[in-house]
Amino acid sequence: MPTLTLYALGWLGLLAIAMANGALREGLYAAQMTELAAHQLSTLLGLLLFTLYIGWFTARWPLPSAGLAVGVGALWLGLTLAFEFGIFHYVMGHPWSRLLRDYDLSAGRLWVLIPIWTAMAPYVFYRLRGVR
């Protein structure tokens, strides 16, 4: 039976996708569009890639219960936020205002959809595969 540890390790795949997506944005299309448009495209691409990965991961290692699915979502959310704020603020020195700017939907910033989907997706895929 899959354990929370397995799903914690599974989060590393999300991290790899996020890093590759950021590199793709900076190396391929950020210079050809506004920063906001590049941010929005990158966020939407990230959501698609996360969905494909989480769908594959949860098919390979099905979540055995709704409770574990919710727990995995909470774990992935916590790891995502800890990484984002820990690395970008404490290691790279980005100010809190810069980090929190990406959470402002009213300004067209879509990043907040990534942690929301990261938290919800395990339960969504659990439900899509049917209650056991």
N, C-alpha and C. Protein backbone atom coordinates (compact mmCIF):
# COMPACT_ATOMS: atom_id res chain seq x y z
N MET A 1 0.84 -1.18 0.00
CA MET A 1 0.00 0.00 0.00
C MET A 1 0.89 1.25 0.00
N PRO A 2 0.56 2.23 -0.86
CA PRO A 2 1.36 3.46 -0.90
C PRO A 2 1.29 4.20 0.44
N THR A 3 2.39 4.85 0.77
CA THR A 3 2.45 5.59 2.02
C THR A 3 2.62 7.08 1.74
N LEU A 4 2.46 7.86 2.78
CA LEU A 4 2.64 9.30 2.65
C LEU A 4 4.07 9.62 2.20
N THR A 5 5.03 8.81 2.59
CA THR A 5 6.41 9.02 2.18
C THR A 5 6.56 8.93 0.67
N LEU A 6 5.90 7.95 0.06
CA LEU A 6 5.94 7.81 -1.39
C LEU A 6 5.41 9.07 -2.06
N TYR A 7 4.31 9.59 -1.56
CA TYR A 7 3.72 10.78 -2.16
C TYR A 7 4.56 12.02 -1.87
N ALA A 8 5.26 12.04 -0.75
CA ALA A 8 6.19 13.15 -0.48
C ALA A 8 7.30 13.13 -1.52
N LEU A 9 7.81 11.96 -1.82
CA LEU A 9 8.83 11.84 -2.87
C LEU A 9 8.24 12.20 -4.23
N GLY A 10 6.98 11.89 -4.44
CA GLY A 10 6.30 12.24 -5.69
C GLY A 10 6.26 13.74 -5.92
N TRP A 11 6.28 14.52 -4.85
CA TRP A 11 6.29 15.97 -4.98
C TRP A 11 7.55 16.45 -5.71
N LEU A 12 8.63 15.70 -5.61
CA LEU A 12 9.86 16.09 -6.31
C LEU A 12 9.64 16.17 -7.82
N GLY A 13 8.74 15.36 -8.34
CA GLY A 13 8.38 15.46 -9.77
C GLY A 13 7.72 16.79 -10.08
N LEU A 14 6.87 17.26 -9.17
CA LEU A 14 6.24 18.57 -9.35
C LEU A 14 7.30 19.67 -9.33
N LEU A 15 8.27 19.54 -8.44
CA LEU A 15 9.35 20.52 -8.36
C LEU A 15 10.15 20.53 -9.66
N ALA A 16 10.46 19.36 -10.18
CA ALA A 16 11.22 19.28 -11.44
C ALA A 16 10.43 19.92 -12.59
N ILE A 17 9.13 19.66 -12.63
CA ILE A 17 8.29 20.26 -13.67
C ILE A 17 8.29 21.78 -13.53
N ALA A 18 8.13 22.27 -12.32
CA ALA A 18 8.10 23.72 -12.10
C ALA A 18 9.41 24.37 -12.52
N MET A 19 10.52 23.74 -12.20
CA MET A 19 11.82 24.30 -12.56
C MET A 19 12.02 24.27 -14.08
N ALA A 20 11.65 23.17 -14.71
CA ALA A 20 11.77 23.08 -16.17
C ALA A 20 10.84 24.08 -16.85
N ASN A 21 9.65 24.26 -16.31
CA ASN A 21 8.71 25.21 -16.87
C ASN A 21 9.26 26.63 -16.77
N GLY A 22 9.85 26.98 -15.65
CA GLY A 22 10.46 28.30 -15.49
C GLY A 22 11.63 28.51 -16.45
N ALA A 23 12.44 27.49 -16.62
CA ALA A 23 13.57 27.58 -17.56
C ALA A 23 13.06 27.73 -18.99
N LEU A 24 12.01 26.99 -19.32
CA LEU A 24 11.40 27.10 -20.64
C LEU A 24 10.88 28.52 -20.89
N ARG A 25 10.21 29.07 -19.89
CA ARG A 25 9.69 30.44 -20.01
C ARG A 25 10.83 31.41 -20.27
N GLU A 26 11.85 31.35 -19.43
CA GLU A 26 12.95 32.31 -19.55
C GLU A 26 13.77 32.11 -20.82
N GLY A 27 13.93 30.87 -21.25
CA GLY A 27 14.77 30.59 -22.40
C GLY A 27 14.08 30.63 -23.74
N LEU A 28 12.74 30.52 -23.74
CA LEU A 28 12.05 30.38 -25.02
C LEU A 28 11.14 31.54 -25.37
N TYR A 29 10.31 31.99 -24.46
CA TYR A 29 9.31 32.96 -24.88
C TYR A 29 9.19 34.22 -24.04
N ALA A 30 9.87 34.33 -22.92
CA ALA A 30 9.73 35.52 -22.06
C ALA A 30 10.15 36.80 -22.77
N ALA A 31 11.16 36.73 -23.60
CA ALA A 31 11.65 37.93 -24.29
C ALA A 31 10.71 38.40 -25.40
N GLN A 32 9.83 37.53 -25.87
CA GLN A 32 8.93 37.88 -26.96
C GLN A 32 7.59 38.44 -26.51
N MET A 33 7.35 38.54 -25.21
CA MET A 33 6.06 39.02 -24.72
C MET A 33 6.25 39.80 -23.43
N THR A 34 5.18 40.40 -22.97
CA THR A 34 5.28 41.12 -21.71
C THR A 34 5.53 40.13 -20.57
N GLU A 35 6.03 40.65 -19.48
CA GLU A 35 6.28 39.80 -18.31
C GLU A 35 4.99 39.15 -17.83
N LEU A 36 3.89 39.92 -17.83
CA LEU A 36 2.61 39.37 -17.38
C LEU A 36 2.14 38.26 -18.29
N ALA A 37 2.22 38.46 -19.59
CA ALA A 37 1.80 37.42 -20.54
C ALA A 37 2.66 36.16 -20.39
N ALA A 38 3.96 36.34 -20.20
CA ALA A 38 4.84 35.18 -20.01
C ALA A 38 4.48 34.45 -18.72
N HIS A 39 4.19 35.21 -17.67
CA HIS A 39 3.76 34.63 -16.39
C HIS A 39 2.48 33.83 -16.58
N GLN A 40 1.52 34.39 -17.27
CA GLN A 40 0.23 33.73 -17.47
C GLN A 40 0.39 32.45 -18.30
N LEU A 41 1.16 32.53 -19.39
CA LEU A 41 1.38 31.36 -20.22
C LEU A 41 2.11 30.27 -19.43
N SER A 42 3.10 30.67 -18.68
CA SER A 42 3.87 29.72 -17.88
C SER A 42 2.98 29.05 -16.82
N THR A 43 2.11 29.83 -16.21
CA THR A 43 1.21 29.26 -15.20
C THR A 43 0.27 28.25 -15.83
N LEU A 44 -0.31 28.61 -16.97
CA LEU A 44 -1.23 27.68 -17.64
C LEU A 44 -0.51 26.42 -18.10
N LEU A 45 0.69 26.56 -18.62
CA LEU A 45 1.48 25.40 -19.01
C LEU A 45 1.81 24.56 -17.78
N GLY A 46 2.17 25.22 -16.69
CA GLY A 46 2.45 24.50 -15.45
C GLY A 46 1.25 23.71 -14.96
N LEU A 47 0.07 24.31 -15.04
CA LEU A 47 -1.15 23.59 -14.63
C LEU A 47 -1.37 22.35 -15.49
N LEU A 48 -1.16 22.49 -16.79
CA LEU A 48 -1.32 21.34 -17.69
C LEU A 48 -0.31 20.24 -17.35
N LEU A 49 0.95 20.63 -17.20
CA LEU A 49 1.99 19.64 -16.90
C LEU A 49 1.77 18.99 -15.53
N PHE A 50 1.37 19.79 -14.54
CA PHE A 50 1.07 19.23 -13.22
C PHE A 50 -0.08 18.22 -13.33
N THR A 51 -1.10 18.57 -14.09
CA THR A 51 -2.26 17.67 -14.24
C THR A 51 -1.84 16.35 -14.85
N LEU A 52 -1.04 16.41 -15.90
CA LEU A 52 -0.58 15.18 -16.55
C LEU A 52 0.27 14.35 -15.58
N TYR A 53 1.17 15.00 -14.87
CA TYR A 53 2.03 14.27 -13.93
C TYR A 53 1.24 13.68 -12.77
N ILE A 54 0.37 14.48 -12.18
CA ILE A 54 -0.40 13.98 -11.03
C ILE A 54 -1.34 12.86 -11.47
N GLY A 55 -1.92 12.99 -12.66
CA GLY A 55 -2.75 11.92 -13.20
C GLY A 55 -1.96 10.63 -13.37
N TRP A 56 -0.77 10.75 -13.94
CA TRP A 56 0.09 9.57 -14.10
C TRP A 56 0.50 9.00 -12.75
N PHE A 57 0.95 9.87 -11.85
CA PHE A 57 1.46 9.42 -10.56
C PHE A 57 0.38 8.71 -9.75
N THR A 58 -0.81 9.29 -9.73
CA THR A 58 -1.89 8.68 -8.93
C THR A 58 -2.49 7.46 -9.63
N ALA A 59 -2.25 7.30 -10.92
CA ALA A 59 -2.65 6.05 -11.59
C ALA A 59 -1.63 4.96 -11.26
N ARG A 60 -0.37 5.33 -11.22
CA ARG A 60 0.70 4.38 -10.92
C ARG A 60 0.65 3.93 -9.46
N TRP A 61 0.39 4.89 -8.56
CA TRP A 61 0.28 4.61 -7.14
C TRP A 61 -1.04 5.18 -6.64
N PRO A 62 -2.12 4.44 -6.85
CA PRO A 62 -3.46 4.96 -6.51
C PRO A 62 -3.58 5.32 -5.02
N LEU A 63 -4.29 6.39 -4.80
CA LEU A 63 -4.59 6.81 -3.43
C LEU A 63 -5.68 5.90 -2.88
N PRO A 64 -5.42 5.21 -1.77
CA PRO A 64 -6.38 4.22 -1.27
C PRO A 64 -7.55 4.80 -0.49
N SER A 65 -7.49 6.08 -0.13
CA SER A 65 -8.59 6.65 0.66
C SER A 65 -8.69 8.15 0.41
N ALA A 66 -9.89 8.67 0.66
CA ALA A 66 -10.10 10.11 0.54
C ALA A 66 -9.24 10.85 1.55
N GLY A 67 -9.10 10.30 2.73
CA GLY A 67 -8.29 10.94 3.76
C GLY A 67 -6.84 11.08 3.34
N LEU A 68 -6.29 10.03 2.73
CA LEU A 68 -4.90 10.12 2.26
C LEU A 68 -4.81 11.11 1.10
N ALA A 69 -5.79 11.13 0.23
CA ALA A 69 -5.79 12.08 -0.88
C ALA A 69 -5.76 13.52 -0.37
N VAL A 70 -6.57 13.81 0.63
CA VAL A 70 -6.58 15.15 1.22
C VAL A 70 -5.24 15.43 1.90
N GLY A 71 -4.71 14.44 2.61
CA GLY A 71 -3.42 14.60 3.27
C GLY A 71 -2.28 14.84 2.28
N VAL A 72 -2.30 14.13 1.17
CA VAL A 72 -1.28 14.33 0.14
C VAL A 72 -1.39 15.74 -0.44
N GLY A 73 -2.61 16.19 -0.70
CA GLY A 73 -2.80 17.56 -1.19
C GLY A 73 -2.26 18.59 -0.22
N ALA A 74 -2.53 18.39 1.07
CA ALA A 74 -2.02 19.32 2.09
C ALA A 74 -0.50 19.27 2.16
N LEU A 75 0.06 18.07 2.08
CA LEU A 75 1.51 17.91 2.10
C LEU A 75 2.15 18.61 0.91
N TRP A 76 1.62 18.36 -0.30
CA TRP A 76 2.16 18.98 -1.50
C TRP A 76 2.03 20.50 -1.45
N LEU A 77 0.93 21.00 -0.92
CA LEU A 77 0.76 22.44 -0.77
C LEU A 77 1.82 23.00 0.18
N GLY A 78 1.98 22.34 1.31
CA GLY A 78 2.97 22.80 2.29
C GLY A 78 4.38 22.78 1.73
N LEU A 79 4.74 21.72 1.03
CA LEU A 79 6.08 21.63 0.45
C LEU A 79 6.28 22.70 -0.63
N THR A 80 5.25 22.93 -1.43
CA THR A 80 5.33 23.94 -2.49
C THR A 80 5.55 25.33 -1.90
N LEU A 81 4.75 25.69 -0.91
CA LEU A 81 4.88 27.02 -0.31
C LEU A 81 6.18 27.17 0.47
N ALA A 82 6.57 26.11 1.17
CA ALA A 82 7.84 26.16 1.91
C ALA A 82 9.00 26.34 0.95
N PHE A 83 8.97 25.62 -0.16
CA PHE A 83 10.04 25.77 -1.15
C PHE A 83 10.03 27.17 -1.74
N GLU A 84 8.86 27.60 -2.19
CA GLU A 84 8.77 28.91 -2.84
C GLU A 84 9.26 30.03 -1.93
N PHE A 85 8.68 30.11 -0.75
CA PHE A 85 9.05 31.21 0.14
C PHE A 85 10.43 31.00 0.76
N GLY A 86 10.77 29.77 1.06
CA GLY A 86 12.08 29.50 1.65
C GLY A 86 13.22 29.79 0.70
N ILE A 87 13.14 29.27 -0.49
CA ILE A 87 14.23 29.46 -1.46
C ILE A 87 14.25 30.89 -1.99
N PHE A 88 13.09 31.35 -2.47
CA PHE A 88 13.09 32.65 -3.14
C PHE A 88 13.26 33.83 -2.17
N HIS A 89 12.82 33.68 -0.94
CA HIS A 89 13.02 34.79 0.00
C HIS A 89 14.34 34.64 0.76
N TYR A 90 14.51 33.52 1.43
CA TYR A 90 15.66 33.37 2.32
C TYR A 90 16.97 33.06 1.60
N VAL A 91 16.90 32.39 0.46
CA VAL A 91 18.12 32.05 -0.26
C VAL A 91 18.43 33.08 -1.35
N MET A 92 17.42 33.41 -2.16
CA MET A 92 17.65 34.32 -3.29
C MET A 92 17.42 35.78 -2.93
N GLY A 93 16.84 36.03 -1.76
CA GLY A 93 16.71 37.40 -1.29
C GLY A 93 15.57 38.21 -1.88
N HIS A 94 14.60 37.55 -2.51
CA HIS A 94 13.47 38.28 -3.06
C HIS A 94 12.60 38.82 -1.93
N PRO A 95 12.16 40.08 -2.02
CA PRO A 95 11.32 40.64 -0.96
C PRO A 95 9.94 39.98 -0.94
N TRP A 96 9.31 40.01 0.23
CA TRP A 96 7.98 39.41 0.37
C TRP A 96 7.00 40.03 -0.63
N SER A 97 7.11 41.34 -0.85
CA SER A 97 6.18 42.01 -1.77
C SER A 97 6.27 41.42 -3.18
N ARG A 98 7.45 41.09 -3.61
CA ARG A 98 7.62 40.48 -4.94
C ARG A 98 7.00 39.08 -4.97
N LEU A 99 7.21 38.32 -3.92
CA LEU A 99 6.66 36.97 -3.88
C LEU A 99 5.13 36.99 -3.81
N LEU A 100 4.59 37.86 -2.99
CA LEU A 100 3.14 37.91 -2.82
C LEU A 100 2.43 38.51 -4.03
N ARG A 101 3.14 39.27 -4.84
CA ARG A 101 2.55 39.87 -6.05
C ARG A 101 1.94 38.81 -6.96
N ASP A 102 2.58 37.65 -7.04
CA ASP A 102 2.09 36.59 -7.92
C ASP A 102 0.77 35.98 -7.45
N TYR A 103 0.30 36.35 -6.27
CA TYR A 103 -0.96 35.83 -5.75
C TYR A 103 -2.12 36.79 -5.99
N ASP A 104 -1.90 37.86 -6.72
CA ASP A 104 -2.91 38.90 -6.95
C ASP A 104 -3.66 38.64 -8.25
N LEU A 105 -4.75 37.90 -8.17
CA LEU A 105 -5.55 37.60 -9.36
C LEU A 105 -6.10 38.87 -10.00
N SER A 106 -6.41 39.89 -9.20
CA SER A 106 -6.97 41.12 -9.76
C SER A 106 -5.98 41.84 -10.67
N ALA A 107 -4.70 41.53 -10.54
CA ALA A 107 -3.67 42.11 -11.41
C ALA A 107 -3.32 41.17 -12.56
N GLY A 108 -4.10 40.10 -12.72
CA GLY A 108 -3.83 39.15 -13.79
C GLY A 108 -2.78 38.12 -13.45
N ARG A 109 -2.33 38.08 -12.21
CA ARG A 109 -1.32 37.13 -11.79
C ARG A 109 -2.02 35.80 -11.47
N LEU A 110 -1.63 34.75 -12.13
CA LEU A 110 -2.33 33.47 -12.03
C LEU A 110 -1.63 32.44 -11.16
N TRP A 111 -0.45 32.76 -10.65
CA TRP A 111 0.33 31.77 -9.91
C TRP A 111 -0.46 31.08 -8.82
N VAL A 112 -1.36 31.79 -8.16
CA VAL A 112 -2.11 31.21 -7.04
C VAL A 112 -2.85 29.95 -7.46
N LEU A 113 -3.14 29.82 -8.75
CA LEU A 113 -3.82 28.61 -9.23
C LEU A 113 -2.94 27.37 -9.08
N ILE A 114 -1.64 27.54 -9.13
CA ILE A 114 -0.72 26.40 -8.99
C ILE A 114 -0.82 25.77 -7.59
N PRO A 115 -0.65 26.54 -6.51
CA PRO A 115 -0.79 25.89 -5.20
C PRO A 115 -2.21 25.39 -4.93
N ILE A 116 -3.21 26.09 -5.44
CA ILE A 116 -4.59 25.61 -5.26
C ILE A 116 -4.76 24.26 -5.93
N TRP A 117 -4.32 24.14 -7.18
CA TRP A 117 -4.46 22.87 -7.90
C TRP A 117 -3.58 21.79 -7.27
N THR A 118 -2.40 22.15 -6.82
CA THR A 118 -1.51 21.19 -6.17
C THR A 118 -2.19 20.58 -4.94
N ALA A 119 -2.92 21.41 -4.20
CA ALA A 119 -3.63 20.93 -3.01
C ALA A 119 -4.85 20.08 -3.37
N MET A 120 -5.56 20.46 -4.42
CA MET A 120 -6.82 19.79 -4.76
C MET A 120 -6.65 18.54 -5.62
N ALA A 121 -5.65 18.52 -6.46
CA ALA A 121 -5.52 17.48 -7.48
C ALA A 121 -5.52 16.04 -6.94
N PRO A 122 -4.80 15.73 -5.86
CA PRO A 122 -4.85 14.34 -5.40
C PRO A 122 -6.27 13.87 -5.09
N TYR A 123 -7.05 14.72 -4.44
CA TYR A 123 -8.43 14.34 -4.13
C TYR A 123 -9.27 14.26 -5.40
N VAL A 124 -9.07 15.19 -6.33
CA VAL A 124 -9.83 15.16 -7.59
C VAL A 124 -9.55 13.85 -8.33
N PHE A 125 -8.27 13.48 -8.44
CA PHE A 125 -7.95 12.23 -9.14
C PHE A 125 -8.43 11.01 -8.36
N TYR A 126 -8.41 11.06 -7.05
CA TYR A 126 -8.97 9.98 -6.25
C TYR A 126 -10.45 9.79 -6.59
N ARG A 127 -11.19 10.89 -6.61
CA ARG A 127 -12.63 10.83 -6.91
C ARG A 127 -12.88 10.39 -8.36
N LEU A 128 -12.06 10.87 -9.30
CA LEU A 128 -12.25 10.49 -10.70
C LEU A 128 -12.04 8.99 -10.91
N ARG A 129 -11.21 8.39 -10.09
CA ARG A 129 -10.95 6.96 -10.23
C ARG A 129 -12.00 6.13 -9.50
N GLY A 130 -12.93 6.79 -8.85
CA GLY A 130 -14.01 6.08 -8.19
C GLY A 130 -13.72 5.79 -6.73
N VAL A 131 -14.75 5.88 -5.93
CA VAL A 131 -14.62 5.60 -4.51
C VAL A 131 -14.41 4.11 -4.33
N ARG A 132 -13.42 3.74 -3.51
CA ARG A 132 -13.12 2.32 -3.30
C ARG A 132 -13.91 1.79 -2.13
